């Protein structure tokens, strides 16, 4: 497939030829002015080895809800454990988020937030916003840019990110060849 800004993806697909379908539409959001969210109960903490089973289960749920491919989830969680955080309320995990490795660029280091997941039974309490803010606050001192990708069709997550100061910069698309 092809993953790129919409116009670029269409040009690449046309050059390759064949018939293509849109698999996913995403928004590229970049943090402009961080807006600290209203406090909610709980606190963020770094993920630990004992959280592996929970994080694998939650990530599989995230992948299923997002319609993504589930490949190597346990290994990916284990590898990314130092960059994953949990939001806990009274010692009970209610949400998690992480970030990709920071990427050095000529204009400064870039941090990408994701994934962010809150199980359905814990949604609508601000926990996803809180854990996202926790990750953003961890990245801000060491990066010049914080960004993330979000599902274009998910108004809830898009609203959360915009309320934190993320701004829609570009539309991304994943095109898949049709057999």
C-alpha atoms as a PDB file:
ATOM      1  CA  UNK A   1       0.000   0.000   0.000  1.00  0.00           C
ATOM      2  CA  UNK A   2       0.807   3.686   0.055  1.00  0.00           C
ATOM      3  CA  UNK A   3       0.719   5.904   3.141  1.00  0.00           C
ATOM      4  CA  UNK A   4       1.295   9.597   2.485  1.00  0.00           C
ATOM      5  CA  UNK A   5      -0.409  12.971   2.309  1.00  0.00           C
ATOM      6  CA  UNK A   6      -3.526  12.579   0.163  1.00  0.00           C
ATOM      7  CA  UNK A   7      -2.183  14.235  -3.002  1.00  0.00           C
ATOM      8  CA  UNK A   8       1.133  12.392  -2.840  1.00  0.00           C
ATOM      9  CA  UNK A   9      -0.532   9.010  -2.244  1.00  0.00           C
ATOM     10  CA  UNK A  10      -2.781   9.512  -5.273  1.00  0.00           C
ATOM     11  CA  UNK A  11       0.176  10.396  -7.518  1.00  0.00           C
ATOM     12  CA  UNK A  12       2.182   7.357  -6.341  1.00  0.00           C
ATOM     13  CA  UNK A  13      -0.786   5.002  -6.789  1.00  0.00           C
ATOM     14  CA  UNK A  14      -1.436   6.366 -10.298  1.00  0.00           C
ATOM     15  CA  UNK A  15       2.231   5.884 -11.217  1.00  0.00           C
ATOM     16  CA  UNK A  16       2.138   2.270 -10.006  1.00  0.00           C
ATOM     17  CA  UNK A  17      -1.138   1.631 -11.787  1.00  0.00           C
ATOM     18  CA  UNK A  18      -4.040  -0.608 -10.937  1.00  0.00           C
ATOM     19  CA  UNK A  19      -7.067  -0.017  -8.772  1.00  0.00           C
ATOM     20  CA  UNK A  20      -6.656   1.355  -5.247  1.00  0.00           C
ATOM     21  CA  UNK A  21      -9.032   1.720  -2.306  1.00  0.00           C
ATOM     22  CA  UNK A  22      -8.736   3.970   0.717  1.00  0.00           C
ATOM     23  CA  UNK A  23      -7.959   1.852   3.803  1.00  0.00           C
ATOM     24  CA  UNK A  24      -7.685   4.689   6.314  1.00  0.00           C
ATOM     25  CA  UNK A  25      -7.781   8.451   6.544  1.00  0.00           C
ATOM     26  CA  UNK A  26      -5.758  10.138   9.252  1.00  0.00           C
ATOM     27  CA  UNK A  27      -5.039  13.671  10.366  1.00  0.00           C
ATOM     28  CA  UNK A  28      -1.537  14.835  11.133  1.00  0.00           C
ATOM     29  CA  UNK A  29      -1.786  17.092  14.190  1.00  0.00           C
ATOM     30  CA  UNK A  30       1.072  19.208  15.542  1.00  0.00           C
ATOM     31  CA  UNK A  31       1.156  20.775  18.991  1.00  0.00           C
ATOM     32  CA  UNK A  32       1.315  24.559  18.720  1.00  0.00           C
ATOM     33  CA  UNK A  33       0.537  25.979  22.170  1.00  0.00           C
ATOM     34  CA  UNK A  34       0.111  23.333  24.852  1.00  0.00           C
ATOM     35  CA  UNK A  35      -3.081  23.807  26.851  1.00  0.00           C
ATOM     36  CA  UNK A  36      -2.988  21.953  30.161  1.00  0.00           C
ATOM     37  CA  UNK A  37      -6.294  20.094  30.668  1.00  0.00           C
ATOM     38  CA  UNK A  38      -8.554  20.348  33.691  1.00  0.00           C
ATOM     39  CA  UNK A  39      -7.433  17.922  36.389  1.00  0.00           C
ATOM     40  CA  UNK A  40      -9.152  14.557  36.765  1.00  0.00           C
ATOM     41  CA  UNK A  41      -8.733  11.955  39.510  1.00  0.00           C
ATOM     42  CA  UNK A  42      -5.642   9.815  39.280  1.00  0.00           C
ATOM     43  CA  UNK A  43      -2.058  10.130  38.173  1.00  0.00           C
ATOM     44  CA  UNK A  44       0.232   8.959  35.411  1.00  0.00           C
ATOM     45  CA  UNK A  45       3.057   6.507  35.901  1.00  0.00           C
ATOM     46  CA  UNK A  46       5.544   4.744  33.692  1.00  0.00           C
ATOM     47  CA  UNK A  47       4.623   1.263  32.529  1.00  0.00           C
ATOM     48  CA  UNK A  48       6.452  -1.649  34.144  1.00  0.00           C
ATOM     49  CA  UNK A  49       7.076  -5.312  33.313  1.00  0.00           C
ATOM     50  CA  UNK A  50       4.083  -6.312  35.457  1.00  0.00           C
ATOM     51  CA  UNK A  51       1.811  -4.265  33.171  1.00  0.00           C
ATOM     52  CA  UNK A  52       2.703  -6.271  30.044  1.00  0.00           C
ATOM     53  CA  UNK A  53      -0.397  -8.515  29.948  1.00  0.00           C
ATOM     54  CA  UNK A  54      -2.773  -5.593  30.510  1.00  0.00           C
ATOM     55  CA  UNK A  55      -1.044  -3.444  27.891  1.00  0.00           C
ATOM     56  CA  UNK A  56      -1.072  -6.271  25.331  1.00  0.00           C
ATOM     57  CA  UNK A  57      -4.808  -6.805  25.895  1.00  0.00           C
ATOM     58  CA  UNK A  58      -5.543  -3.080  25.667  1.00  0.00           C
ATOM     59  CA  UNK A  59      -3.389  -2.676  22.565  1.00  0.00           C
ATOM     60  CA  UNK A  60      -5.186  -5.565  20.862  1.00  0.00           C
ATOM     61  CA  UNK A  61      -8.484  -3.854  21.689  1.00  0.00           C
ATOM     62  CA  UNK A  62      -7.116  -0.566  20.294  1.00  0.00           C
ATOM     63  CA  UNK A  63      -5.980  -2.292  17.087  1.00  0.00           C
ATOM     64  CA  UNK A  64      -9.384  -3.959  16.714  1.00  0.00           C
ATOM     65  CA  UNK A  65     -11.329  -0.734  17.239  1.00  0.00           C
ATOM     66  CA  UNK A  66      -9.068   1.192  14.857  1.00  0.00           C
ATOM     67  CA  UNK A  67      -9.237  -1.503  12.164  1.00  0.00           C
ATOM     68  CA  UNK A  68      -5.455  -1.912  12.132  1.00  0.00           C
ATOM     69  CA  UNK A  69      -3.408  -5.054  11.531  1.00  0.00           C
ATOM     70  CA  UNK A  70      -2.557  -7.038  14.657  1.00  0.00           C
ATOM     71  CA  UNK A  71       1.017  -8.189  14.174  1.00  0.00           C
ATOM     72  CA  UNK A  72       3.643  -8.677  16.835  1.00  0.00           C
ATOM     73  CA  UNK A  73       1.681  -6.828  19.542  1.00  0.00           C
ATOM     74  CA  UNK A  74       3.371  -8.472  22.519  1.00  0.00           C
ATOM     75  CA  UNK A  75       6.871  -7.847  21.163  1.00  0.00           C
ATOM     76  CA  UNK A  76       5.968  -4.255  20.250  1.00  0.00           C
ATOM     77  CA  UNK A  77       4.628  -3.571  23.747  1.00  0.00           C
ATOM     78  CA  UNK A  78       7.689  -5.172  25.356  1.00  0.00           C
ATOM     79  CA  UNK A  79      10.055  -3.135  23.126  1.00  0.00           C
ATOM     80  CA  UNK A  80       8.181   0.128  23.754  1.00  0.00           C
ATOM     81  CA  UNK A  81       7.583  -0.368  27.491  1.00  0.00           C
ATOM     82  CA  UNK A  82      10.000   2.462  28.450  1.00  0.00           C
ATOM     83  CA  UNK A  83       7.863   4.870  26.356  1.00  0.00           C
ATOM     84  CA  UNK A  84       4.446   3.785  27.686  1.00  0.00           C
ATOM     85  CA  UNK A  85       2.479   5.313  30.556  1.00  0.00           C
ATOM     86  CA  UNK A  86      -0.642   4.360  32.462  1.00  0.00           C
ATOM     87  CA  UNK A  87      -3.205   6.646  34.060  1.00  0.00           C
ATOM     88  CA  UNK A  88      -4.318   5.147  37.361  1.00  0.00           C
ATOM     89  CA  UNK A  89      -7.218   6.002  39.655  1.00  0.00           C
ATOM     90  CA  UNK A  90      -6.908   4.579  43.174  1.00  0.00           C
ATOM     91  CA  UNK A  91      -4.218   2.185  41.915  1.00  0.00           C
ATOM     92  CA  UNK A  92      -6.373   0.868  39.039  1.00  0.00           C
ATOM     93  CA  UNK A  93      -5.156   1.470  35.475  1.00  0.00           C
ATOM     94  CA  UNK A  94      -7.842   3.221  33.390  1.00  0.00           C
ATOM     95  CA  UNK A  95      -5.975   4.434  30.274  1.00  0.00           C
ATOM     96  CA  UNK A  96      -2.617   4.245  28.549  1.00  0.00           C
ATOM     97  CA  UNK A  97      -0.562   6.196  26.047  1.00  0.00           C
ATOM     98  CA  UNK A  98       2.930   6.171  24.678  1.00  0.00           C
ATOM     99  CA  UNK A  99       5.215   7.758  22.158  1.00  0.00           C
ATOM    100  CA  UNK A 100       7.481   6.635  19.365  1.00  0.00           C
ATOM    101  CA  UNK A 101      11.234   7.069  19.671  1.00  0.00           C
ATOM    102  CA  UNK A 102      12.184  10.746  19.372  1.00  0.00           C
ATOM    103  CA  UNK A 103      13.461  11.551  15.870  1.00  0.00           C
ATOM    104  CA  UNK A 104      16.269  14.085  15.402  1.00  0.00           C
ATOM    105  CA  UNK A 105      15.727  16.473  12.468  1.00  0.00           C
ATOM    106  CA  UNK A 106      17.668  19.531  11.282  1.00  0.00           C
ATOM    107  CA  UNK A 107      15.059  21.795  12.905  1.00  0.00           C
ATOM    108  CA  UNK A 108      15.002  19.919  16.229  1.00  0.00           C
ATOM    109  CA  UNK A 109      13.850  16.676  17.771  1.00  0.00           C
ATOM    110  CA  UNK A 110      10.327  15.451  17.005  1.00  0.00           C
ATOM    111  CA  UNK A 111       8.214  13.384  19.372  1.00  0.00           C
ATOM    112  CA  UNK A 112       5.142  11.490  18.169  1.00  0.00           C
ATOM    113  CA  UNK A 113       2.414  10.628  20.673  1.00  0.00           C
ATOM    114  CA  UNK A 114       0.650   7.308  20.221  1.00  0.00           C
ATOM    115  CA  UNK A 115      -0.983   4.999  20.780  1.00  0.00           C
ATOM    116  CA  UNK A 116      -3.621   6.352  23.164  1.00  0.00           C
ATOM    117  CA  UNK A 117      -6.294   3.980  24.464  1.00  0.00           C
ATOM    118  CA  UNK A 118      -8.970   4.018  27.126  1.00  0.00           C
ATOM    119  CA  UNK A 119     -11.163   0.917  27.553  1.00  0.00           C
ATOM    120  CA  UNK A 120     -14.881   1.586  26.953  1.00  0.00           C
ATOM    121  CA  UNK A 121     -15.794   1.213  30.633  1.00  0.00           C
ATOM    122  CA  UNK A 122     -13.410   4.070  31.545  1.00  0.00           C
ATOM    123  CA  UNK A 123     -14.285   6.515  28.763  1.00  0.00           C
ATOM    124  CA  UNK A 124     -15.888   9.945  29.192  1.00  0.00           C
ATOM    125  CA  UNK A 125     -14.052  10.723  32.440  1.00  0.00           C
ATOM    126  CA  UNK A 126     -11.096  12.651  30.967  1.00  0.00           C
ATOM    127  CA  UNK A 127      -8.575   9.835  31.487  1.00  0.00           C
ATOM    128  CA  UNK A 128      -7.529   9.706  27.812  1.00  0.00           C
ATOM    129  CA  UNK A 129      -6.928  13.448  27.868  1.00  0.00           C
ATOM    130  CA  UNK A 130      -5.005  13.179  31.128  1.00  0.00           C
ATOM    131  CA  UNK A 131      -2.668  10.410  29.944  1.00  0.00           C
ATOM    132  CA  UNK A 132      -2.112  12.164  26.620  1.00  0.00           C
ATOM    133  CA  UNK A 133      -1.190  15.354  28.483  1.00  0.00           C
ATOM    134  CA  UNK A 134       1.143  13.312  30.707  1.00  0.00           C
ATOM    135  CA  UNK A 135       3.009  12.014  27.635  1.00  0.00           C
ATOM    136  CA  UNK A 136       3.084  15.483  26.038  1.00  0.00           C
ATOM    137  CA  UNK A 137       4.568  16.918  29.232  1.00  0.00           C
ATOM    138  CA  UNK A 138       7.243  14.204  29.192  1.00  0.00           C
ATOM    139  CA  UNK A 139       8.141  15.044  25.579  1.00  0.00           C
ATOM    140  CA  UNK A 140       8.081  18.846  25.746  1.00  0.00           C
ATOM    141  CA  UNK A 141      11.402  19.343  27.568  1.00  0.00           C
ATOM    142  CA  UNK A 142      13.309  17.202  25.058  1.00  0.00           C
ATOM    143  CA  UNK A 143      11.649  17.998  21.727  1.00  0.00           C
ATOM    144  CA  UNK A 144      11.025  21.010  19.539  1.00  0.00           C
ATOM    145  CA  UNK A 145       7.915  19.469  17.974  1.00  0.00           C
ATOM    146  CA  UNK A 146       5.250  17.133  19.334  1.00  0.00           C
ATOM    147  CA  UNK A 147       2.876  15.565  16.822  1.00  0.00           C
ATOM    148  CA  UNK A 148       0.460  12.690  16.429  1.00  0.00           C
ATOM    149  CA  UNK A 149      -1.761  10.964  13.925  1.00  0.00           C
ATOM    150  CA  UNK A 150      -5.461  10.574  14.619  1.00  0.00           C
ATOM    151  CA  UNK A 151      -8.278   8.789  12.855  1.00  0.00           C
ATOM    152  CA  UNK A 152     -10.079  11.348  10.715  1.00  0.00           C
ATOM    153  CA  UNK A 153     -13.383   9.593  11.479  1.00  0.00           C
ATOM    154  CA  UNK A 154     -13.051   9.818  15.282  1.00  0.00           C
ATOM    155  CA  UNK A 155     -14.446  13.196  16.384  1.00  0.00           C
ATOM    156  CA  UNK A 156     -13.967  12.361  20.081  1.00  0.00           C
ATOM    157  CA  UNK A 157     -10.200  11.876  19.886  1.00  0.00           C
ATOM    158  CA  UNK A 158      -9.822  14.786  17.461  1.00  0.00           C
ATOM    159  CA  UNK A 159     -11.618  17.055  19.933  1.00  0.00           C
ATOM    160  CA  UNK A 160      -9.412  15.848  22.816  1.00  0.00           C
ATOM    161  CA  UNK A 161      -6.224  16.621  20.902  1.00  0.00           C
ATOM    162  CA  UNK A 162      -7.427  20.018  19.696  1.00  0.00           C
ATOM    163  CA  UNK A 163      -8.293  20.956  23.296  1.00  0.00           C
ATOM    164  CA  UNK A 164      -4.661  20.211  24.237  1.00  0.00           C
ATOM    165  CA  UNK A 165      -3.381  22.621  21.572  1.00  0.00           C
ATOM    166  CA  UNK A 166      -2.810  20.268  18.627  1.00  0.00           C
ATOM    167  CA  UNK A 167      -3.551  21.802  15.225  1.00  0.00           C
ATOM    168  CA  UNK A 168      -4.565  19.954  12.051  1.00  0.00           C
ATOM    169  CA  UNK A 169      -1.581  20.249   9.687  1.00  0.00           C
ATOM    170  CA  UNK A 170      -2.259  17.711   6.938  1.00  0.00           C
ATOM    171  CA  UNK A 171      -4.475  14.859   5.793  1.00  0.00           C
ATOM    172  CA  UNK A 172      -2.865  11.449   5.446  1.00  0.00           C
ATOM    173  CA  UNK A 173      -4.328   8.498   3.590  1.00  0.00           C
ATOM    174  CA  UNK A 174      -3.524   4.817   3.308  1.00  0.00           C
ATOM    175  CA  UNK A 175      -4.297   3.385  -0.120  1.00  0.00           C
ATOM    176  CA  UNK A 176      -4.370  -0.377  -0.679  1.00  0.00           C
ATOM    177  CA  UNK A 177      -4.241  -2.136  -4.038  1.00  0.00           C
ATOM    178  CA  UNK A 178      -7.432  -3.967  -4.986  1.00  0.00           C
ATOM    179  CA  UNK A 179      -6.864  -7.444  -6.355  1.00  0.00           C
END
